[in-house]
Amino acid sequence: MSKINFNWRIRIFFVCYIAILIFFVKAPFGFLALNTFLGYIPIELSFQLHRIQKVHSLLFVILLLVWLLFYPNAPYVLTDLFHLSLLHPHNLITGLLKSDPKIWLNFAFLVISALSCALLGTLQLYKLCHLLATKMTPHLHGASLLYPLIFTFLSSVGIYIGRFLRIHSLYILLTPTWFIKQISSMWSTNMWLFTLILTVVQLILYWLIVEIHRTDLSD
């Protein structure tokens, strides 16, 4: 499968899936369409980054910074799985799971959004880290390990900002002064522990993607 075909298959999937979410998913899960769209943005930006031939160009650097700003939205959708509690899936009398199709349909939407954004976002993160390590900083020792660590850590900070401060990526562009004020007051022990846990989660996903890629190459 060529890169162009892969990119367009992913685009078509997200367009169709987000349309389904808009028309068929109701409250309290109406947030899924927006969050899935925001999770797709860094995936599309990474497609565009790979089209730029000169990685040292100003255009590439600017687009890379925009990608970094939006990248946390991809793994952020994983945290939407906490909304599974809104399904109230257990029978209060028996304690067993209900077989209500409506519950399982909403479960499917939550899982599909989380997995598609997180896995495809991590795949594109791997490709971008490889590009930066081999083309932008080929002489930097350990670059292939350094970039994932930096990006997953910054992404975890971004997830904390979005989940607990309820601030989207666009706020830094629309209200930068207010954004900086909110960020300056968020540092706490719980924040650092959350960031550590989410960084580990993302690094495990990253490692799995790398291992799958290596397996494909060796076959």
C-alpha atoms as a PDB file:
ATOM      1  CA  MET A   1       0.000   0.000   0.000  1.00  0.00           C
ATOM      2  CA  SER A   2       1.500   3.325  -1.019  1.00  0.00           C
ATOM      3  CA  LYS A   3       1.808   6.276   1.362  1.00  0.00           C
ATOM      4  CA  ILE A   4      -0.741   8.285  -0.638  1.00  0.00           C
ATOM      5  CA  ASN A   5      -3.284   5.482  -0.461  1.00  0.00           C
ATOM      6  CA  PHE A   6      -2.699   5.094   3.270  1.00  0.00           C
ATOM      7  CA  ASN A   7      -3.153   8.822   3.892  1.00  0.00           C
ATOM      8  CA  TRP A   8      -6.369   8.972   1.918  1.00  0.00           C
ATOM      9  CA  ARG A   9      -7.752   5.837   3.517  1.00  0.00           C
ATOM     10  CA  ILE A  10      -7.214   7.403   6.923  1.00  0.00           C
ATOM     11  CA  ARG A  11      -8.796  10.679   5.786  1.00  0.00           C
ATOM     12  CA  ILE A  12     -11.857   8.898   4.401  1.00  0.00           C
ATOM     13  CA  PHE A  13     -12.201   6.841   7.574  1.00  0.00           C
ATOM     14  CA  PHE A  14     -12.162   9.905   9.831  1.00  0.00           C
ATOM     15  CA  VAL A  15     -14.536  11.918   7.618  1.00  0.00           C
ATOM     16  CA  CYS A  16     -17.060   9.061   7.555  1.00  0.00           C
ATOM     17  CA  TYR A  17     -16.638   8.189  11.215  1.00  0.00           C
ATOM     18  CA  ILE A  18     -16.942  11.792  12.448  1.00  0.00           C
ATOM     19  CA  ALA A  19     -20.080  12.207  10.291  1.00  0.00           C
ATOM     20  CA  ILE A  20     -21.545   9.117  11.974  1.00  0.00           C
ATOM     21  CA  LEU A  21     -20.715  10.559  15.390  1.00  0.00           C
ATOM     22  CA  ILE A  22     -22.371  13.881  14.510  1.00  0.00           C
ATOM     23  CA  PHE A  23     -25.610  12.313  13.323  1.00  0.00           C
ATOM     24  CA  PHE A  24     -25.988   9.305  15.608  1.00  0.00           C
ATOM     25  CA  VAL A  25     -24.277  10.013  18.927  1.00  0.00           C
ATOM     26  CA  LYS A  26     -26.420  11.905  21.398  1.00  0.00           C
ATOM     27  CA  ALA A  27     -25.900  13.394  24.855  1.00  0.00           C
ATOM     28  CA  PRO A  28     -24.032  12.771  27.078  1.00  0.00           C
ATOM     29  CA  PHE A  29     -21.545  11.641  24.424  1.00  0.00           C
ATOM     30  CA  GLY A  30     -21.952  14.552  22.030  1.00  0.00           C
ATOM     31  CA  PHE A  31     -18.349  15.585  22.764  1.00  0.00           C
ATOM     32  CA  LEU A  32     -16.999  12.595  20.839  1.00  0.00           C
ATOM     33  CA  ALA A  33     -17.304  14.162  17.377  1.00  0.00           C
ATOM     34  CA  LEU A  34     -15.322  17.273  18.370  1.00  0.00           C
ATOM     35  CA  ASN A  35     -12.687  15.338  20.334  1.00  0.00           C
ATOM     36  CA  THR A  36     -12.213  12.860  17.497  1.00  0.00           C
ATOM     37  CA  PHE A  37     -11.845  15.708  15.014  1.00  0.00           C
ATOM     38  CA  LEU A  38      -9.273  17.415  17.248  1.00  0.00           C
ATOM     39  CA  GLY A  39      -7.471  14.072  17.584  1.00  0.00           C
ATOM     40  CA  TYR A  40      -7.332  13.770  13.804  1.00  0.00           C
ATOM     41  CA  ILE A  41      -5.786  17.223  13.254  1.00  0.00           C
ATOM     42  CA  PRO A  42      -2.211  16.223  14.291  1.00  0.00           C
ATOM     43  CA  ILE A  43      -2.490  13.119  12.120  1.00  0.00           C
ATOM     44  CA  GLU A  44      -3.291  15.261   9.091  1.00  0.00           C
ATOM     45  CA  LEU A  45      -0.545  17.742  10.017  1.00  0.00           C
ATOM     46  CA  SER A  46       1.970  14.907  10.113  1.00  0.00           C
ATOM     47  CA  PHE A  47       0.896  13.896   6.604  1.00  0.00           C
ATOM     48  CA  GLN A  48       1.692  17.416   5.455  1.00  0.00           C
ATOM     49  CA  LEU A  49       5.044  17.479   7.280  1.00  0.00           C
ATOM     50  CA  HIS A  50       6.192  14.435   5.327  1.00  0.00           C
ATOM     51  CA  ARG A  51       5.419  16.243   2.066  1.00  0.00           C
ATOM     52  CA  ILE A  52       7.992  18.965   2.786  1.00  0.00           C
ATOM     53  CA  GLN A  53      11.321  18.019   1.265  1.00  0.00           C
ATOM     54  CA  LYS A  54      13.553  20.414   3.225  1.00  0.00           C
ATOM     55  CA  VAL A  55      13.312  19.640   6.940  1.00  0.00           C
ATOM     56  CA  HIS A  56      15.441  22.683   7.788  1.00  0.00           C
ATOM     57  CA  SER A  57      13.096  25.067   6.013  1.00  0.00           C
ATOM     58  CA  LEU A  58      11.074  27.680   7.877  1.00  0.00           C
ATOM     59  CA  LEU A  59       7.837  26.123   6.609  1.00  0.00           C
ATOM     60  CA  PHE A  60       8.739  22.739   8.100  1.00  0.00           C
ATOM     61  CA  VAL A  61       9.699  24.259  11.473  1.00  0.00           C
ATOM     62  CA  ILE A  62       6.486  26.313  11.677  1.00  0.00           C
ATOM     63  CA  LEU A  63       4.325  23.332  10.736  1.00  0.00           C
ATOM     64  CA  LEU A  64       6.212  21.174  13.236  1.00  0.00           C
ATOM     65  CA  LEU A  65       5.399  23.649  16.015  1.00  0.00           C
ATOM     66  CA  VAL A  66       1.736  23.686  14.982  1.00  0.00           C
ATOM     67  CA  TRP A  67       1.755  19.876  14.995  1.00  0.00           C
ATOM     68  CA  LEU A  68       3.305  19.882  18.490  1.00  0.00           C
ATOM     69  CA  LEU A  69       0.576  22.254  19.668  1.00  0.00           C
ATOM     70  CA  PHE A  70      -2.183  19.936  18.454  1.00  0.00           C
ATOM     71  CA  TYR A  71      -0.542  16.532  18.986  1.00  0.00           C
ATOM     72  CA  PRO A  72      -1.820  16.057  22.597  1.00  0.00           C
ATOM     73  CA  ASN A  73      -5.343  15.928  21.160  1.00  0.00           C
ATOM     74  CA  ALA A  74      -4.620  12.472  19.704  1.00  0.00           C
ATOM     75  CA  PRO A  75      -3.750  10.593  22.926  1.00  0.00           C
ATOM     76  CA  TYR A  76      -6.158  12.865  24.850  1.00  0.00           C
ATOM     77  CA  VAL A  77      -9.083  10.870  23.440  1.00  0.00           C
ATOM     78  CA  LEU A  78      -7.898   7.909  25.518  1.00  0.00           C
ATOM     79  CA  THR A  79      -8.987   9.812  28.626  1.00  0.00           C
ATOM     80  CA  ASP A  80     -12.527   9.950  27.226  1.00  0.00           C
ATOM     81  CA  LEU A  81     -12.763   6.272  28.210  1.00  0.00           C
ATOM     82  CA  PHE A  82     -13.517   7.494  31.732  1.00  0.00           C
ATOM     83  CA  HIS A  83     -16.898   8.511  30.341  1.00  0.00           C
ATOM     84  CA  LEU A  84     -17.714   4.808  30.088  1.00  0.00           C
ATOM     85  CA  SER A  85     -19.027   5.304  33.629  1.00  0.00           C
ATOM     86  CA  LEU A  86     -21.879   7.357  32.141  1.00  0.00           C
ATOM     87  CA  LEU A  87     -23.207   4.192  30.525  1.00  0.00           C
ATOM     88  CA  HIS A  88     -24.178   2.669  33.901  1.00  0.00           C
ATOM     89  CA  PRO A  89     -23.567  -0.777  32.405  1.00  0.00           C
ATOM     90  CA  HIS A  90     -24.279  -2.924  35.472  1.00  0.00           C
ATOM     91  CA  ASN A  91     -27.635  -4.253  36.569  1.00  0.00           C
ATOM     92  CA  LEU A  92     -28.243  -2.870  40.053  1.00  0.00           C
ATOM     93  CA  ILE A  93     -29.913  -6.082  41.220  1.00  0.00           C
ATOM     94  CA  THR A  94     -27.670  -8.799  39.771  1.00  0.00           C
ATOM     95  CA  GLY A  95     -24.457  -6.777  39.400  1.00  0.00           C
ATOM     96  CA  LEU A  96     -23.996  -8.253  35.933  1.00  0.00           C
ATOM     97  CA  LEU A  97     -23.363  -6.285  32.743  1.00  0.00           C
ATOM     98  CA  LYS A  98     -26.450  -5.273  30.813  1.00  0.00           C
ATOM     99  CA  SER A  99     -26.893  -6.499  27.227  1.00  0.00           C
ATOM    100  CA  ASP A 100     -28.635  -3.298  26.121  1.00  0.00           C
ATOM    101  CA  PRO A 101     -27.482  -2.629  22.497  1.00  0.00           C
ATOM    102  CA  LYS A 102     -27.585   1.142  23.111  1.00  0.00           C
ATOM    103  CA  ILE A 103     -24.997   0.795  25.868  1.00  0.00           C
ATOM    104  CA  TRP A 104     -22.696  -1.315  23.727  1.00  0.00           C
ATOM    105  CA  LEU A 105     -23.064   0.984  20.728  1.00  0.00           C
ATOM    106  CA  ASN A 106     -21.914   3.940  22.815  1.00  0.00           C
ATOM    107  CA  PHE A 107     -19.139   1.742  24.210  1.00  0.00           C
ATOM    108  CA  ALA A 108     -18.059   1.002  20.626  1.00  0.00           C
ATOM    109  CA  PHE A 109     -18.006   4.693  19.704  1.00  0.00           C
ATOM    110  CA  LEU A 110     -15.866   5.569  22.742  1.00  0.00           C
ATOM    111  CA  VAL A 111     -13.396   2.763  22.088  1.00  0.00           C
ATOM    112  CA  ILE A 112     -13.143   3.383  18.325  1.00  0.00           C
ATOM    113  CA  SER A 113     -12.460   7.103  18.884  1.00  0.00           C
ATOM    114  CA  ALA A 114      -9.851   6.408  21.560  1.00  0.00           C
ATOM    115  CA  LEU A 115      -8.016   3.678  19.659  1.00  0.00           C
ATOM    116  CA  SER A 116      -8.085   5.291  16.219  1.00  0.00           C
ATOM    117  CA  CYS A 117      -6.751   8.652  17.451  1.00  0.00           C
ATOM    118  CA  ALA A 118      -4.203   7.203  19.875  1.00  0.00           C
ATOM    119  CA  LEU A 119      -2.824   4.462  17.622  1.00  0.00           C
ATOM    120  CA  LEU A 120      -2.695   6.501  14.413  1.00  0.00           C
ATOM    121  CA  GLY A 121      -1.368   9.497  16.298  1.00  0.00           C
ATOM    122  CA  THR A 122       1.392   7.348  17.800  1.00  0.00           C
ATOM    123  CA  LEU A 123       2.189   5.826  14.407  1.00  0.00           C
ATOM    124  CA  GLN A 124       2.649   9.287  12.929  1.00  0.00           C
ATOM    125  CA  LEU A 125       4.682  10.319  15.981  1.00  0.00           C
ATOM    126  CA  TYR A 126       7.025   7.402  15.310  1.00  0.00           C
ATOM    127  CA  LYS A 127       7.387   8.348  11.648  1.00  0.00           C
ATOM    128  CA  LEU A 128       8.009  11.986  12.523  1.00  0.00           C
ATOM    129  CA  CYS A 129      10.591  11.130  15.198  1.00  0.00           C
ATOM    130  CA  HIS A 130      12.375   8.915  12.674  1.00  0.00           C
ATOM    131  CA  LEU A 131      12.328  11.754  10.137  1.00  0.00           C
ATOM    132  CA  LEU A 132      13.725  14.262  12.630  1.00  0.00           C
ATOM    133  CA  ALA A 133      16.404  11.868  13.874  1.00  0.00           C
ATOM    134  CA  THR A 134      17.626  10.896  10.392  1.00  0.00           C
ATOM    135  CA  LYS A 135      17.143  14.119   8.443  1.00  0.00           C
ATOM    136  CA  MET A 136      17.176  17.085  10.836  1.00  0.00           C
ATOM    137  CA  THR A 137      19.633  15.907  13.528  1.00  0.00           C
ATOM    138  CA  PRO A 138      21.484  12.882  12.065  1.00  0.00           C
ATOM    139  CA  HIS A 139      24.575  13.587  14.197  1.00  0.00           C
ATOM    140  CA  LEU A 140      22.700  13.899  17.501  1.00  0.00           C
ATOM    141  CA  HIS A 141      23.492  10.791  19.534  1.00  0.00           C
ATOM    142  CA  GLY A 142      20.348   9.100  20.885  1.00  0.00           C
ATOM    143  CA  ALA A 143      17.992  11.334  18.890  1.00  0.00           C
ATOM    144  CA  SER A 144      15.703   8.383  18.093  1.00  0.00           C
ATOM    145  CA  LEU A 145      15.100   7.984  21.850  1.00  0.00           C
ATOM    146  CA  LEU A 146      15.209  11.652  22.800  1.00  0.00           C
ATOM    147  CA  TYR A 147      12.454  12.855  20.469  1.00  0.00           C
ATOM    148  CA  PRO A 148       9.806  10.356  21.675  1.00  0.00           C
ATOM    149  CA  LEU A 149      10.616  11.201  25.300  1.00  0.00           C
ATOM    150  CA  ILE A 150      10.277  14.941  24.682  1.00  0.00           C
ATOM    151  CA  PHE A 151       7.110  14.716  22.600  1.00  0.00           C
ATOM    152  CA  THR A 152       5.295  12.253  24.888  1.00  0.00           C
ATOM    153  CA  PHE A 153       6.186  14.308  27.964  1.00  0.00           C
ATOM    154  CA  LEU A 154       4.956  17.547  26.375  1.00  0.00           C
ATOM    155  CA  SER A 155       1.887  15.708  25.149  1.00  0.00           C
ATOM    156  CA  SER A 156       1.111  14.496  28.679  1.00  0.00           C
ATOM    157  CA  VAL A 157       1.350  18.065  29.944  1.00  0.00           C
ATOM    158  CA  GLY A 158      -1.035  19.073  27.170  1.00  0.00           C
ATOM    159  CA  ILE A 159      -3.459  16.291  28.110  1.00  0.00           C
ATOM    160  CA  TYR A 160      -3.466  17.520  31.708  1.00  0.00           C
ATOM    161  CA  ILE A 161      -4.198  21.051  30.517  1.00  0.00           C
ATOM    162  CA  GLY A 162      -7.074  19.855  28.363  1.00  0.00           C
ATOM    163  CA  ARG A 163      -8.560  17.388  30.835  1.00  0.00           C
ATOM    164  CA  PHE A 164      -8.303  19.324  34.107  1.00  0.00           C
ATOM    165  CA  LEU A 165      -8.043  22.970  33.055  1.00  0.00           C
ATOM    166  CA  ARG A 166     -10.462  22.397  30.154  1.00  0.00           C
ATOM    167  CA  ILE A 167      -8.273  24.420  27.788  1.00  0.00           C
ATOM    168  CA  HIS A 168      -8.142  23.529  24.089  1.00  0.00           C
ATOM    169  CA  SER A 169      -5.094  24.043  21.867  1.00  0.00           C
ATOM    170  CA  LEU A 170      -6.691  27.046  20.167  1.00  0.00           C
ATOM    171  CA  TYR A 171      -6.687  29.059  23.395  1.00  0.00           C
ATOM    172  CA  ILE A 172      -2.962  29.713  23.099  1.00  0.00           C
ATOM    173  CA  LEU A 173      -3.687  31.472  19.799  1.00  0.00           C
ATOM    174  CA  LEU A 174      -6.919  33.221  20.818  1.00  0.00           C
ATOM    175  CA  THR A 175      -6.142  34.322  24.396  1.00  0.00           C
ATOM    176  CA  PRO A 176      -2.391  33.849  25.000  1.00  0.00           C
ATOM    177  CA  THR A 177      -2.217  36.028  28.154  1.00  0.00           C
ATOM    178  CA  TRP A 178      -5.019  34.158  29.890  1.00  0.00           C
ATOM    179  CA  PHE A 179      -3.542  30.848  28.694  1.00  0.00           C
ATOM    180  CA  ILE A 180      -0.130  31.624  30.213  1.00  0.00           C
ATOM    181  CA  LYS A 181      -1.759  32.673  33.502  1.00  0.00           C
ATOM    182  CA  GLN A 182      -3.606  29.357  33.741  1.00  0.00           C
ATOM    183  CA  ILE A 183      -0.485  27.356  32.916  1.00  0.00           C
ATOM    184  CA  SER A 184       1.644  29.152  35.495  1.00  0.00           C
ATOM    185  CA  SER A 185      -0.683  28.103  38.327  1.00  0.00           C
ATOM    186  CA  MET A 186      -1.232  24.439  37.451  1.00  0.00           C
ATOM    187  CA  TRP A 187       2.000  22.872  38.756  1.00  0.00           C
ATOM    188  CA  SER A 188       1.437  20.446  41.628  1.00  0.00           C
ATOM    189  CA  THR A 189       2.437  16.971  42.789  1.00  0.00           C
ATOM    190  CA  ASN A 190      -0.707  15.448  41.282  1.00  0.00           C
ATOM    191  CA  MET A 191      -0.009  17.208  37.994  1.00  0.00           C
ATOM    192  CA  TRP A 192       3.527  15.781  37.824  1.00  0.00           C
ATOM    193  CA  LEU A 193       2.330  12.278  38.738  1.00  0.00           C
ATOM    194  CA  PHE A 194      -0.402  12.457  36.091  1.00  0.00           C
ATOM    195  CA  THR A 195       2.163  13.610  33.534  1.00  0.00           C
ATOM    196  CA  LEU A 196       4.492  10.741  34.468  1.00  0.00           C
ATOM    197  CA  ILE A 197       1.746   8.120  34.185  1.00  0.00           C
ATOM    198  CA  LEU A 198       0.465   9.396  30.827  1.00  0.00           C
ATOM    199  CA  THR A 199       4.026   9.661  29.492  1.00  0.00           C
ATOM    200  CA  VAL A 200       4.612   5.995  30.372  1.00  0.00           C
ATOM    201  CA  VAL A 201       1.321   5.025  28.699  1.00  0.00           C
ATOM    202  CA  GLN A 202       2.296   6.882  25.521  1.00  0.00           C
ATOM    203  CA  LEU A 203       5.816   5.435  25.519  1.00  0.00           C
ATOM    204  CA  ILE A 204       4.399   1.907  25.781  1.00  0.00           C
ATOM    205  CA  LEU A 205       2.127   2.617  22.807  1.00  0.00           C
ATOM    206  CA  TYR A 206       5.130   4.049  20.972  1.00  0.00           C
ATOM    207  CA  TRP A 207       7.216   0.951  21.747  1.00  0.00           C
ATOM    208  CA  LEU A 208       4.436  -1.325  20.495  1.00  0.00           C
ATOM    209  CA  ILE A 209       4.213   0.631  17.241  1.00  0.00           C
ATOM    210  CA  VAL A 210       8.001   0.401  16.806  1.00  0.00           C
ATOM    211  CA  GLU A 211       7.947  -3.359  17.420  1.00  0.00           C
ATOM    212  CA  ILE A 212       5.096  -3.878  14.952  1.00  0.00           C
ATOM    213  CA  HIS A 213       6.970  -1.825  12.360  1.00  0.00           C
ATOM    214  CA  ARG A 214      10.142  -3.829  12.887  1.00  0.00           C
ATOM    215  CA  THR A 215       8.211  -7.078  12.559  1.00  0.00           C
ATOM    216  CA  ASP A 216       6.735  -5.924   9.231  1.00  0.00           C
ATOM    217  CA  LEU A 217      10.203  -5.047   7.946  1.00  0.00           C
ATOM    218  CA  SER A 218      11.672  -8.395   8.959  1.00  0.00           C
ATOM    219  CA  ASP A 219       8.918 -10.465   7.302  1.00  0.00           C
END
